[in-house]
Amino acid sequence: RYPLVTGVQTCALPIFNNKETSLRPPLVRRGCYRRKFDGRKIQRFQCKSCTKTFSNLTLTPTWRQQKPFINSPLVFKLCSGLSQRRAARELSVDQKTVARRLIFLADIARKANARHIVQRPPPTDLRFDDMESSIHTKLKPVSIPMLVEHGSREILALRVCSMPAKGRLAEKSLKKYGPRKDERPTARQAVLEVAKRIGAQGLSIKTDKCPQYPALIKLAIPGAIHTTVKGRRGCVVGQGELKKIGFDPLFSFNHTAAMTRANINRLFRKTWCTSKREDRLQDHLDLYT
């Protein structure tokens, strides 16, 4: 699903050197250079009409990256519980390099995920619910509506959106940061639109008994069969996803959410690595997906 991450591919450029044809060659070879990190020779070309030069690597996504070989191991490390600082230390690169590569790799991952969900068989049984995290502080909570296929536990869509603080932190959050915009209805509708686009006929969606879900699902996917189940407490204090019951009707979603928290450092229950921006949290989640 990530064919262009390593940066070792080259594009085939048309070179016309046939002496029997009367056509003027549009491209000619113009020397070569050696790539720094592996010493490989890279051919350069020149256009005869505009006199501009380029190389075999100009049209690849990793063009102008001095260390494209760190892309594949960086994906594994960022999706295996390592922070950006620790990943940079293990790969012997700067922290800014890891921060920039996260944006680059997330863009490739989004395109690969978009192609994958269209080509895969249409899902028939889905689980839908929200995860919660925070940006910089617990006084700035965010919600992550997520759509998971039952059985395979494959994440089909998710969105990061802001939400107002609740409970004992609501008054402190309002006093320190002012009112926060509630973007959950818009984000939930965007996630359910994916289910409407790729779902099979007679699609079944199971959620907990959140009062906002029935009207939202009926509006987004009119033909879907919506089933609600009672939510249960977590098996350990602070672990909302893992349930201490014999049979969990929402096991596919809860287990996937728990695995997401276990593999993304900024989503750990007890961690000093926090997200500073919502779009960077979205990038990390898209890469994990």
C-alpha atoms as a PDB file:
ATOM      1  CA  ARG A   1       0.000   0.000   0.000  1.00  0.00           C
ATOM      2  CA  TYR A   2       3.020   2.321   0.237  1.00  0.00           C
ATOM      3  CA  PRO A   3       4.988   1.748  -3.003  1.00  0.00           C
ATOM      4  CA  LEU A   4       6.639   5.179  -3.052  1.00  0.00           C
ATOM      5  CA  VAL A   5       7.853   5.455   0.534  1.00  0.00           C
ATOM      6  CA  THR A   6      11.397   4.142   0.101  1.00  0.00           C
ATOM      7  CA  GLY A   7      12.397   6.573  -2.635  1.00  0.00           C
ATOM      8  CA  VAL A   8      14.453   4.136  -4.699  1.00  0.00           C
ATOM      9  CA  GLN A   9      12.158   4.041  -7.712  1.00  0.00           C
ATOM     10  CA  THR A  10      12.998   5.870 -10.935  1.00  0.00           C
ATOM     11  CA  CYS A  11      10.717   7.059 -13.685  1.00  0.00           C
ATOM     12  CA  ALA A  12      11.244   5.936 -17.276  1.00  0.00           C
ATOM     13  CA  LEU A  13      11.896   8.937 -19.520  1.00  0.00           C
ATOM     14  CA  PRO A  14      11.641   8.699 -23.335  1.00  0.00           C
ATOM     15  CA  ILE A  15      15.087   8.985 -24.942  1.00  0.00           C
ATOM     16  CA  PHE A  16      15.133   8.961 -28.736  1.00  0.00           C
ATOM     17  CA  ASN A  17      18.555   8.005 -30.098  1.00  0.00           C
ATOM     18  CA  ASN A  18      17.462   6.250 -33.297  1.00  0.00           C
ATOM     19  CA  LYS A  19      19.599   7.543 -36.181  1.00  0.00           C
ATOM     20  CA  GLU A  20      17.099   6.352 -38.802  1.00  0.00           C
ATOM     21  CA  THR A  21      14.369   8.773 -37.709  1.00  0.00           C
ATOM     22  CA  SER A  22      14.364  12.398 -38.777  1.00  0.00           C
ATOM     23  CA  LEU A  23      12.777  13.600 -35.533  1.00  0.00           C
ATOM     24  CA  ARG A  24      14.875  15.896 -33.390  1.00  0.00           C
ATOM     25  CA  PRO A  25      15.523  14.220 -30.016  1.00  0.00           C
ATOM     26  CA  PRO A  26      13.458  16.131 -27.399  1.00  0.00           C
ATOM     27  CA  LEU A  27      15.643  14.904 -24.525  1.00  0.00           C
ATOM     28  CA  VAL A  28      19.376  14.359 -24.342  1.00  0.00           C
ATOM     29  CA  ARG A  29      21.563  13.011 -21.594  1.00  0.00           C
ATOM     30  CA  ARG A  30      23.325  15.741 -19.616  1.00  0.00           C
ATOM     31  CA  GLY A  31      25.726  14.080 -17.223  1.00  0.00           C
ATOM     32  CA  CYS A  32      24.935  12.389 -13.927  1.00  0.00           C
ATOM     33  CA  TYR A  33      25.549  12.783 -10.226  1.00  0.00           C
ATOM     34  CA  ARG A  34      26.018  10.450  -7.274  1.00  0.00           C
ATOM     35  CA  ARG A  35      23.429  10.324  -4.555  1.00  0.00           C
ATOM     36  CA  LYS A  36      24.947  11.093  -1.160  1.00  0.00           C
ATOM     37  CA  PHE A  37      23.458   8.410   1.072  1.00  0.00           C
ATOM     38  CA  ASP A  38      24.149   5.387  -1.184  1.00  0.00           C
ATOM     39  CA  GLY A  39      26.532   6.608  -3.905  1.00  0.00           C
ATOM     40  CA  ARG A  40      24.204   5.536  -6.686  1.00  0.00           C
ATOM     41  CA  LYS A  41      24.566   7.218 -10.083  1.00  0.00           C
ATOM     42  CA  ILE A  42      21.528   9.289 -11.106  1.00  0.00           C
ATOM     43  CA  GLN A  43      21.205  10.232 -14.769  1.00  0.00           C
ATOM     44  CA  ARG A  44      20.423  13.823 -15.698  1.00  0.00           C
ATOM     45  CA  PHE A  45      18.646  14.984 -18.873  1.00  0.00           C
ATOM     46  CA  GLN A  46      18.066  18.238 -20.732  1.00  0.00           C
ATOM     47  CA  CYS A  47      15.050  19.278 -22.769  1.00  0.00           C
ATOM     48  CA  LYS A  48      16.095  20.515 -26.230  1.00  0.00           C
ATOM     49  CA  SER A  49      13.168  22.914 -26.538  1.00  0.00           C
ATOM     50  CA  CYS A  50      13.284  24.716 -23.176  1.00  0.00           C
ATOM     51  CA  THR A  51      16.932  23.830 -22.219  1.00  0.00           C
ATOM     52  CA  LYS A  52      15.885  22.913 -18.669  1.00  0.00           C
ATOM     53  CA  THR A  53      17.477  19.949 -16.942  1.00  0.00           C
ATOM     54  CA  PHE A  54      16.092  17.266 -14.661  1.00  0.00           C
ATOM     55  CA  SER A  55      16.965  13.809 -13.420  1.00  0.00           C
ATOM     56  CA  ASN A  56      15.470  10.345 -13.030  1.00  0.00           C
ATOM     57  CA  LEU A  57      14.314  11.267  -9.525  1.00  0.00           C
ATOM     58  CA  THR A  58      12.579  14.539 -10.368  1.00  0.00           C
ATOM     59  CA  LEU A  59       9.114  12.980 -10.716  1.00  0.00           C
ATOM     60  CA  THR A  60       9.323  10.760  -7.604  1.00  0.00           C
ATOM     61  CA  PRO A  61       7.624  11.768  -4.323  1.00  0.00           C
ATOM     62  CA  THR A  62      10.943  11.642  -2.463  1.00  0.00           C
ATOM     63  CA  TRP A  63      12.603  14.219  -4.723  1.00  0.00           C
ATOM     64  CA  ARG A  64      15.021  16.479  -2.797  1.00  0.00           C
ATOM     65  CA  GLN A  65      14.896  14.276   0.311  1.00  0.00           C
ATOM     66  CA  GLN A  66      18.454  13.722   1.510  1.00  0.00           C
ATOM     67  CA  LYS A  67      17.533  10.621   3.531  1.00  0.00           C
ATOM     68  CA  PRO A  68      14.559   8.876   1.884  1.00  0.00           C
ATOM     69  CA  PHE A  69      15.655   5.550   3.377  1.00  0.00           C
ATOM     70  CA  ILE A  70      14.268   6.567   6.791  1.00  0.00           C
ATOM     71  CA  ASN A  71      10.667   6.740   5.532  1.00  0.00           C
ATOM     72  CA  SER A  72       9.770   3.058   5.910  1.00  0.00           C
ATOM     73  CA  PRO A  73      11.319   2.556   9.377  1.00  0.00           C
ATOM     74  CA  LEU A  74       9.810   5.860  10.507  1.00  0.00           C
ATOM     75  CA  VAL A  75       6.303   4.630   9.638  1.00  0.00           C
ATOM     76  CA  PHE A  76       6.893   1.528  11.763  1.00  0.00           C
ATOM     77  CA  LYS A  77       8.290   3.472  14.708  1.00  0.00           C
ATOM     78  CA  LEU A  78       5.575   6.158  14.773  1.00  0.00           C
ATOM     79  CA  CYS A  79       2.906   3.435  14.670  1.00  0.00           C
ATOM     80  CA  SER A  80       4.548   1.308  17.365  1.00  0.00           C
ATOM     81  CA  GLY A  81       4.349   3.585  20.390  1.00  0.00           C
ATOM     82  CA  LEU A  82       7.483   5.699  19.857  1.00  0.00           C
ATOM     83  CA  SER A  83       7.417   9.454  20.186  1.00  0.00           C
ATOM     84  CA  GLN A  84       8.792  11.714  17.467  1.00  0.00           C
ATOM     85  CA  ARG A  85      11.770  12.624  19.646  1.00  0.00           C
ATOM     86  CA  ARG A  86      12.665   8.977  20.312  1.00  0.00           C
ATOM     87  CA  ALA A  87      12.190   8.037  16.651  1.00  0.00           C
ATOM     88  CA  ALA A  88      14.531  10.867  15.626  1.00  0.00           C
ATOM     89  CA  ARG A  89      17.133   9.668  18.121  1.00  0.00           C
ATOM     90  CA  GLU A  90      16.992   6.061  16.930  1.00  0.00           C
ATOM     91  CA  LEU A  91      17.215   7.075  13.255  1.00  0.00           C
ATOM     92  CA  SER A  92      19.996   9.624  13.959  1.00  0.00           C
ATOM     93  CA  VAL A  93      18.116  12.517  12.376  1.00  0.00           C
ATOM     94  CA  ASP A  94      16.849  15.861  13.612  1.00  0.00           C
ATOM     95  CA  GLN A  95      13.450  16.198  15.269  1.00  0.00           C
ATOM     96  CA  LYS A  96      12.382  18.661  12.580  1.00  0.00           C
ATOM     97  CA  THR A  97      13.048  15.998   9.951  1.00  0.00           C
ATOM     98  CA  VAL A  98      10.671  13.596  11.691  1.00  0.00           C
ATOM     99  CA  ALA A  99       8.017  16.311  12.039  1.00  0.00           C
ATOM    100  CA  ARG A 100       8.214  17.107   8.310  1.00  0.00           C
ATOM    101  CA  ARG A 101       8.244  13.455   7.287  1.00  0.00           C
ATOM    102  CA  LEU A 102       5.100  12.823   9.336  1.00  0.00           C
ATOM    103  CA  ILE A 103       3.234  15.295   7.114  1.00  0.00           C
ATOM    104  CA  PHE A 104       4.742  13.776   3.962  1.00  0.00           C
ATOM    105  CA  LEU A 105       3.992  10.169   4.947  1.00  0.00           C
ATOM    106  CA  ALA A 106       0.468  10.999   6.141  1.00  0.00           C
ATOM    107  CA  ASP A 107      -0.344  12.491   2.732  1.00  0.00           C
ATOM    108  CA  ILE A 108       0.805   9.284   1.011  1.00  0.00           C
ATOM    109  CA  ALA A 109      -1.153   7.209   3.544  1.00  0.00           C
ATOM    110  CA  ARG A 110      -4.378   9.154   2.941  1.00  0.00           C
ATOM    111  CA  LYS A 111      -4.156   8.561  -0.807  1.00  0.00           C
ATOM    112  CA  ALA A 112      -3.414   4.868  -0.272  1.00  0.00           C
ATOM    113  CA  ASN A 113      -6.310   4.521   2.189  1.00  0.00           C
ATOM    114  CA  ALA A 114      -8.702   6.266  -0.219  1.00  0.00           C
ATOM    115  CA  ARG A 115      -7.774   3.827  -2.993  1.00  0.00           C
ATOM    116  CA  HIS A 116      -7.999   0.846  -0.659  1.00  0.00           C
ATOM    117  CA  ILE A 117     -11.506   1.448   0.702  1.00  0.00           C
ATOM    118  CA  VAL A 118     -12.845   1.815  -2.847  1.00  0.00           C
ATOM    119  CA  GLN A 119     -11.189  -1.392  -4.101  1.00  0.00           C
ATOM    120  CA  ARG A 120     -12.007  -3.569  -1.075  1.00  0.00           C
ATOM    121  CA  PRO A 121     -15.268  -5.599  -0.850  1.00  0.00           C
ATOM    122  CA  PRO A 122     -18.208  -3.504   0.405  1.00  0.00           C
ATOM    123  CA  PRO A 123     -18.636  -3.849   4.196  1.00  0.00           C
ATOM    124  CA  THR A 124     -21.936  -5.109   5.557  1.00  0.00           C
ATOM    125  CA  ASP A 125     -21.518  -4.817   9.362  1.00  0.00           C
ATOM    126  CA  LEU A 126     -19.960  -1.734  10.969  1.00  0.00           C
ATOM    127  CA  ARG A 127     -19.282  -0.316  14.432  1.00  0.00           C
ATOM    128  CA  PHE A 128     -19.354   3.423  15.077  1.00  0.00           C
ATOM    129  CA  ASP A 129     -18.400   5.445  18.157  1.00  0.00           C
ATOM    130  CA  ASP A 130     -16.175   8.284  19.394  1.00  0.00           C
ATOM    131  CA  MET A 131     -12.758   8.271  21.023  1.00  0.00           C
ATOM    132  CA  GLU A 132     -11.593  11.230  23.083  1.00  0.00           C
ATOM    133  CA  SER A 133      -8.199  12.851  23.486  1.00  0.00           C
ATOM    134  CA  SER A 134      -6.835  16.356  24.089  1.00  0.00           C
ATOM    135  CA  ILE A 135      -4.664  19.033  22.523  1.00  0.00           C
ATOM    136  CA  HIS A 136      -1.858  20.320  24.781  1.00  0.00           C
ATOM    137  CA  THR A 137      -4.014  20.060  27.908  1.00  0.00           C
ATOM    138  CA  LYS A 138      -7.099  18.234  29.143  1.00  0.00           C
ATOM    139  CA  LEU A 139      -8.872  21.587  29.155  1.00  0.00           C
ATOM    140  CA  LYS A 140      -8.832  21.367  25.312  1.00  0.00           C
ATOM    141  CA  PRO A 141     -10.475  18.007  24.571  1.00  0.00           C
ATOM    142  CA  VAL A 142     -10.984  16.630  21.059  1.00  0.00           C
ATOM    143  CA  SER A 143     -13.277  13.917  19.781  1.00  0.00           C
ATOM    144  CA  ILE A 144     -12.340  11.255  17.202  1.00  0.00           C
ATOM    145  CA  PRO A 145     -15.407   9.671  15.533  1.00  0.00           C
ATOM    146  CA  MET A 146     -14.281   6.343  14.069  1.00  0.00           C
ATOM    147  CA  LEU A 147     -15.880   3.761  11.791  1.00  0.00           C
ATOM    148  CA  VAL A 148     -14.683   0.153  12.136  1.00  0.00           C
ATOM    149  CA  GLU A 149     -15.673  -2.970  10.222  1.00  0.00           C
ATOM    150  CA  HIS A 150     -16.903  -5.810  12.410  1.00  0.00           C
ATOM    151  CA  GLY A 151     -14.774  -8.947  12.222  1.00  0.00           C
ATOM    152  CA  SER A 152     -11.703  -7.606  10.428  1.00  0.00           C
ATOM    153  CA  ARG A 153     -11.528  -4.566  12.779  1.00  0.00           C
ATOM    154  CA  GLU A 154     -10.342  -2.451   9.869  1.00  0.00           C
ATOM    155  CA  ILE A 155     -10.559   1.320  10.354  1.00  0.00           C
ATOM    156  CA  LEU A 156     -12.533   2.736   7.432  1.00  0.00           C
ATOM    157  CA  ALA A 157     -12.707   6.406   8.434  1.00  0.00           C
ATOM    158  CA  LEU A 158     -11.958   8.755  11.320  1.00  0.00           C
ATOM    159  CA  ARG A 159     -11.876  12.506  11.946  1.00  0.00           C
ATOM    160  CA  VAL A 160     -10.392  14.731  14.650  1.00  0.00           C
ATOM    161  CA  CYS A 161     -12.644  17.559  15.843  1.00  0.00           C
ATOM    162  CA  SER A 162     -12.820  19.937  18.778  1.00  0.00           C
ATOM    163  CA  MET A 163     -15.374  19.633  21.556  1.00  0.00           C
ATOM    164  CA  PRO A 164     -16.156  21.570  24.738  1.00  0.00           C
ATOM    165  CA  ALA A 165     -14.791  20.282  28.020  1.00  0.00           C
ATOM    166  CA  LYS A 166     -17.228  18.460  30.276  1.00  0.00           C
ATOM    167  CA  GLY A 167     -17.502  17.390  33.867  1.00  0.00           C
ATOM    168  CA  ARG A 168     -15.297  19.037  36.472  1.00  0.00           C
ATOM    169  CA  LEU A 169     -13.018  20.574  33.825  1.00  0.00           C
ATOM    170  CA  ALA A 170     -15.796  22.453  32.026  1.00  0.00           C
ATOM    171  CA  GLU A 171     -15.692  25.526  34.272  1.00  0.00           C
ATOM    172  CA  LYS A 172     -11.865  25.722  34.263  1.00  0.00           C
ATOM    173  CA  SER A 173     -11.714  25.352  30.475  1.00  0.00           C
ATOM    174  CA  LEU A 174     -14.309  28.059  29.924  1.00  0.00           C
ATOM    175  CA  LYS A 175     -12.529  30.425  32.288  1.00  0.00           C
ATOM    176  CA  LYS A 176      -9.032  29.900  30.843  1.00  0.00           C
ATOM    177  CA  TYR A 177      -9.630  29.339  27.113  1.00  0.00           C
ATOM    178  CA  GLY A 178     -13.153  30.599  26.544  1.00  0.00           C
ATOM    179  CA  PRO A 179     -15.965  28.697  24.826  1.00  0.00           C
ATOM    180  CA  ARG A 180     -14.850  25.849  22.552  1.00  0.00           C
ATOM    181  CA  LYS A 181     -16.613  25.034  19.307  1.00  0.00           C
ATOM    182  CA  ASP A 182     -18.431  21.701  19.143  1.00  0.00           C
ATOM    183  CA  GLU A 183     -17.529  20.157  15.764  1.00  0.00           C
ATOM    184  CA  ARG A 184     -18.678  16.632  16.577  1.00  0.00           C
ATOM    185  CA  PRO A 185     -21.891  16.625  14.468  1.00  0.00           C
ATOM    186  CA  THR A 186     -20.002  17.709  11.337  1.00  0.00           C
ATOM    187  CA  ALA A 187     -17.177  15.212  11.890  1.00  0.00           C
ATOM    188  CA  ARG A 188     -19.580  12.350  12.588  1.00  0.00           C
ATOM    189  CA  GLN A 189     -21.518  13.114   9.430  1.00  0.00           C
ATOM    190  CA  ALA A 190     -18.278  13.145   7.384  1.00  0.00           C
ATOM    191  CA  VAL A 191     -17.319   9.720   8.758  1.00  0.00           C
ATOM    192  CA  LEU A 192     -20.777   8.278   8.066  1.00  0.00           C
ATOM    193  CA  GLU A 193     -20.630   9.613   4.503  1.00  0.00           C
ATOM    194  CA  VAL A 194     -17.782   7.168   3.913  1.00  0.00           C
ATOM    195  CA  ALA A 195     -20.002   4.300   5.071  1.00  0.00           C
ATOM    196  CA  LYS A 196     -22.755   5.480   2.723  1.00  0.00           C
ATOM    197  CA  ARG A 197     -20.328   5.603  -0.218  1.00  0.00           C
ATOM    198  CA  ILE A 198     -18.670   2.187   0.215  1.00  0.00           C
ATOM    199  CA  GLY A 199     -21.292   0.194   2.177  1.00  0.00           C
ATOM    200  CA  ALA A 200     -23.291  -2.683   0.723  1.00  0.00           C
ATOM    201  CA  GLN A 201     -27.064  -2.905   0.515  1.00  0.00           C
ATOM    202  CA  GLY A 202     -28.716  -3.533   3.874  1.00  0.00           C
ATOM    203  CA  LEU A 203     -25.780  -2.062   5.787  1.00  0.00           C
ATOM    204  CA  SER A 204     -25.859  -2.750   9.537  1.00  0.00           C
ATOM    205  CA  ILE A 205     -24.398  -0.260  12.027  1.00  0.00           C
ATOM    206  CA  LYS A 206     -24.129  -0.919  15.751  1.00  0.00           C
ATOM    207  CA  THR A 207     -23.437   1.842  18.297  1.00  0.00           C
ATOM    208  CA  ASP A 208     -23.889   2.539  21.977  1.00  0.00           C
ATOM    209  CA  LYS A 209     -26.935   4.423  23.279  1.00  0.00           C
ATOM    210  CA  CYS A 210     -25.653   7.929  22.597  1.00  0.00           C
ATOM    211  CA  PRO A 211     -28.820  10.032  22.005  1.00  0.00           C
ATOM    212  CA  GLN A 212     -27.317  11.858  19.006  1.00  0.00           C
ATOM    213  CA  TYR A 213     -26.527   8.735  16.967  1.00  0.00           C
ATOM    214  CA  PRO A 214     -29.990   7.552  15.781  1.00  0.00           C
ATOM    215  CA  ALA A 215     -31.026  10.796  14.083  1.00  0.00           C
ATOM    216  CA  LEU A 216     -27.559  11.314  12.625  1.00  0.00           C
ATOM    217  CA  ILE A 217     -27.346   7.808  11.119  1.00  0.00           C
ATOM    218  CA  LYS A 218     -30.892   8.016   9.786  1.00  0.00           C
ATOM    219  CA  LEU A 219     -30.059  11.290   8.057  1.00  0.00           C
ATOM    220  CA  ALA A 220     -26.678  10.182   6.670  1.00  0.00           C
ATOM    221  CA  ILE A 221     -27.575   6.588   5.673  1.00  0.00           C
ATOM    222  CA  PRO A 222     -31.366   6.261   5.335  1.00  0.00           C
ATOM    223  CA  GLY A 223     -31.328   2.561   4.419  1.00  0.00           C
ATOM    224  CA  ALA A 224     -28.990   1.396   7.176  1.00  0.00           C
ATOM    225  CA  ILE A 225     -30.098  -0.925   9.992  1.00  0.00           C
ATOM    226  CA  HIS A 226     -29.088   0.827  13.211  1.00  0.00           C
ATOM    227  CA  THR A 227     -28.810  -1.170  16.449  1.00  0.00           C
ATOM    228  CA  THR A 228     -27.961   0.321  19.852  1.00  0.00           C
ATOM    229  CA  VAL A 229     -26.460  -1.509  22.837  1.00  0.00           C
ATOM    230  CA  LYS A 230     -25.875  -0.407  26.382  1.00  0.00           C
ATOM    231  CA  GLY A 231     -22.407   0.927  27.133  1.00  0.00           C
ATOM    232  CA  ARG A 232     -20.429  -0.613  29.995  1.00  0.00           C
ATOM    233  CA  ARG A 233     -17.671   0.592  32.291  1.00  0.00           C
ATOM    234  CA  GLY A 234     -14.032  -0.079  31.532  1.00  0.00           C
ATOM    235  CA  CYS A 235     -12.275  -3.017  33.167  1.00  0.00           C
ATOM    236  CA  VAL A 236      -9.674  -0.674  34.734  1.00  0.00           C
ATOM    237  CA  VAL A 237     -10.055   2.936  35.849  1.00  0.00           C
ATOM    238  CA  GLY A 238      -9.025   5.159  32.941  1.00  0.00           C
ATOM    239  CA  GLN A 239      -9.390   2.462  30.278  1.00  0.00           C
ATOM    240  CA  GLY A 240     -12.678   3.318  28.653  1.00  0.00           C
ATOM    241  CA  GLU A 241     -12.293   0.994  25.671  1.00  0.00           C
ATOM    242  CA  LEU A 242     -11.599  -2.351  27.355  1.00  0.00           C
ATOM    243  CA  LYS A 243     -14.755  -3.713  29.004  1.00  0.00           C
ATOM    244  CA  LYS A 244     -15.006  -6.095  31.925  1.00  0.00           C
ATOM    245  CA  ILE A 245     -17.883  -8.201  30.626  1.00  0.00           C
ATOM    246  CA  GLY A 246     -18.135 -11.676  29.158  1.00  0.00           C
ATOM    247  CA  PHE A 247     -19.478 -10.671  25.743  1.00  0.00           C
ATOM    248  CA  ASP A 248     -18.947  -7.183  24.347  1.00  0.00           C
ATOM    249  CA  PRO A 249     -21.267  -6.340  21.408  1.00  0.00           C
ATOM    250  CA  LEU A 250     -18.931  -3.483  20.449  1.00  0.00           C
ATOM    251  CA  PHE A 251     -15.747  -5.531  20.812  1.00  0.00           C
ATOM    252  CA  SER A 252     -14.557  -4.731  17.273  1.00  0.00           C
ATOM    253  CA  PHE A 253     -14.614  -0.997  17.932  1.00  0.00           C
ATOM    254  CA  ASN A 254     -13.405  -1.125  21.533  1.00  0.00           C
ATOM    255  CA  HIS A 255     -10.476  -3.404  20.765  1.00  0.00           C
ATOM    256  CA  THR A 256      -9.462  -1.290  17.756  1.00  0.00           C
ATOM    257  CA  ALA A 257      -9.646   1.888  19.843  1.00  0.00           C
ATOM    258  CA  ALA A 258      -7.561   0.283  22.594  1.00  0.00           C
ATOM    259  CA  MET A 259      -4.961  -0.836  20.021  1.00  0.00           C
ATOM    260  CA  THR A 260      -4.866   2.694  18.613  1.00  0.00           C
ATOM    261  CA  ARG A 261      -4.124   4.094  22.070  1.00  0.00           C
ATOM    262  CA  ALA A 262      -1.444   1.442  22.602  1.00  0.00           C
ATOM    263  CA  ASN A 263       0.382   2.167  19.335  1.00  0.00           C
ATOM    264  CA  ILE A 264       0.253   5.963  19.097  1.00  0.00           C
ATOM    265  CA  ASN A 265       2.340   7.627  21.789  1.00  0.00           C
ATOM    266  CA  ARG A 266       0.327  10.845  21.981  1.00  0.00           C
ATOM    267  CA  LEU A 267      -2.844   8.846  22.759  1.00  0.00           C
ATOM    268  CA  PHE A 268      -1.414   6.946  25.742  1.00  0.00           C
ATOM    269  CA  ARG A 269      -3.496   7.253  28.900  1.00  0.00           C
ATOM    270  CA  LYS A 270      -0.407   8.259  30.914  1.00  0.00           C
ATOM    271  CA  THR A 271       2.161  10.087  28.802  1.00  0.00           C
ATOM    272  CA  TRP A 272       3.967  13.420  28.624  1.00  0.00           C
ATOM    273  CA  CYS A 273       3.763  13.381  24.800  1.00  0.00           C
ATOM    274  CA  THR A 274       0.789  15.501  23.821  1.00  0.00           C
ATOM    275  CA  SER A 275      -0.549  16.782  20.525  1.00  0.00           C
ATOM    276  CA  LYS A 276      -0.091  20.490  19.885  1.00  0.00           C
ATOM    277  CA  ARG A 277      -2.299  20.727  16.793  1.00  0.00           C
ATOM    278  CA  GLU A 278      -5.412  18.913  15.626  1.00  0.00           C
ATOM    279  CA  ASP A 279      -4.145  18.504  12.065  1.00  0.00           C
ATOM    280  CA  ARG A 280      -0.965  16.776  13.268  1.00  0.00           C
ATOM    281  CA  LEU A 281      -3.028  14.369  15.352  1.00  0.00           C
ATOM    282  CA  GLN A 282      -5.102  13.694  12.217  1.00  0.00           C
ATOM    283  CA  ASP A 283      -1.896  13.036  10.249  1.00  0.00           C
ATOM    284  CA  HIS A 284      -0.674  10.526  12.836  1.00  0.00           C
ATOM    285  CA  LEU A 285      -4.022   8.714  12.903  1.00  0.00           C
ATOM    286  CA  ASP A 286      -4.189   8.549   9.098  1.00  0.00           C
ATOM    287  CA  LEU A 287      -0.696   7.072   9.040  1.00  0.00           C
ATOM    288  CA  TYR A 288      -1.699   4.452  11.616  1.00  0.00           C
ATOM    289  CA  THR A 289      -4.879   3.640   9.667  1.00  0.00           C
END
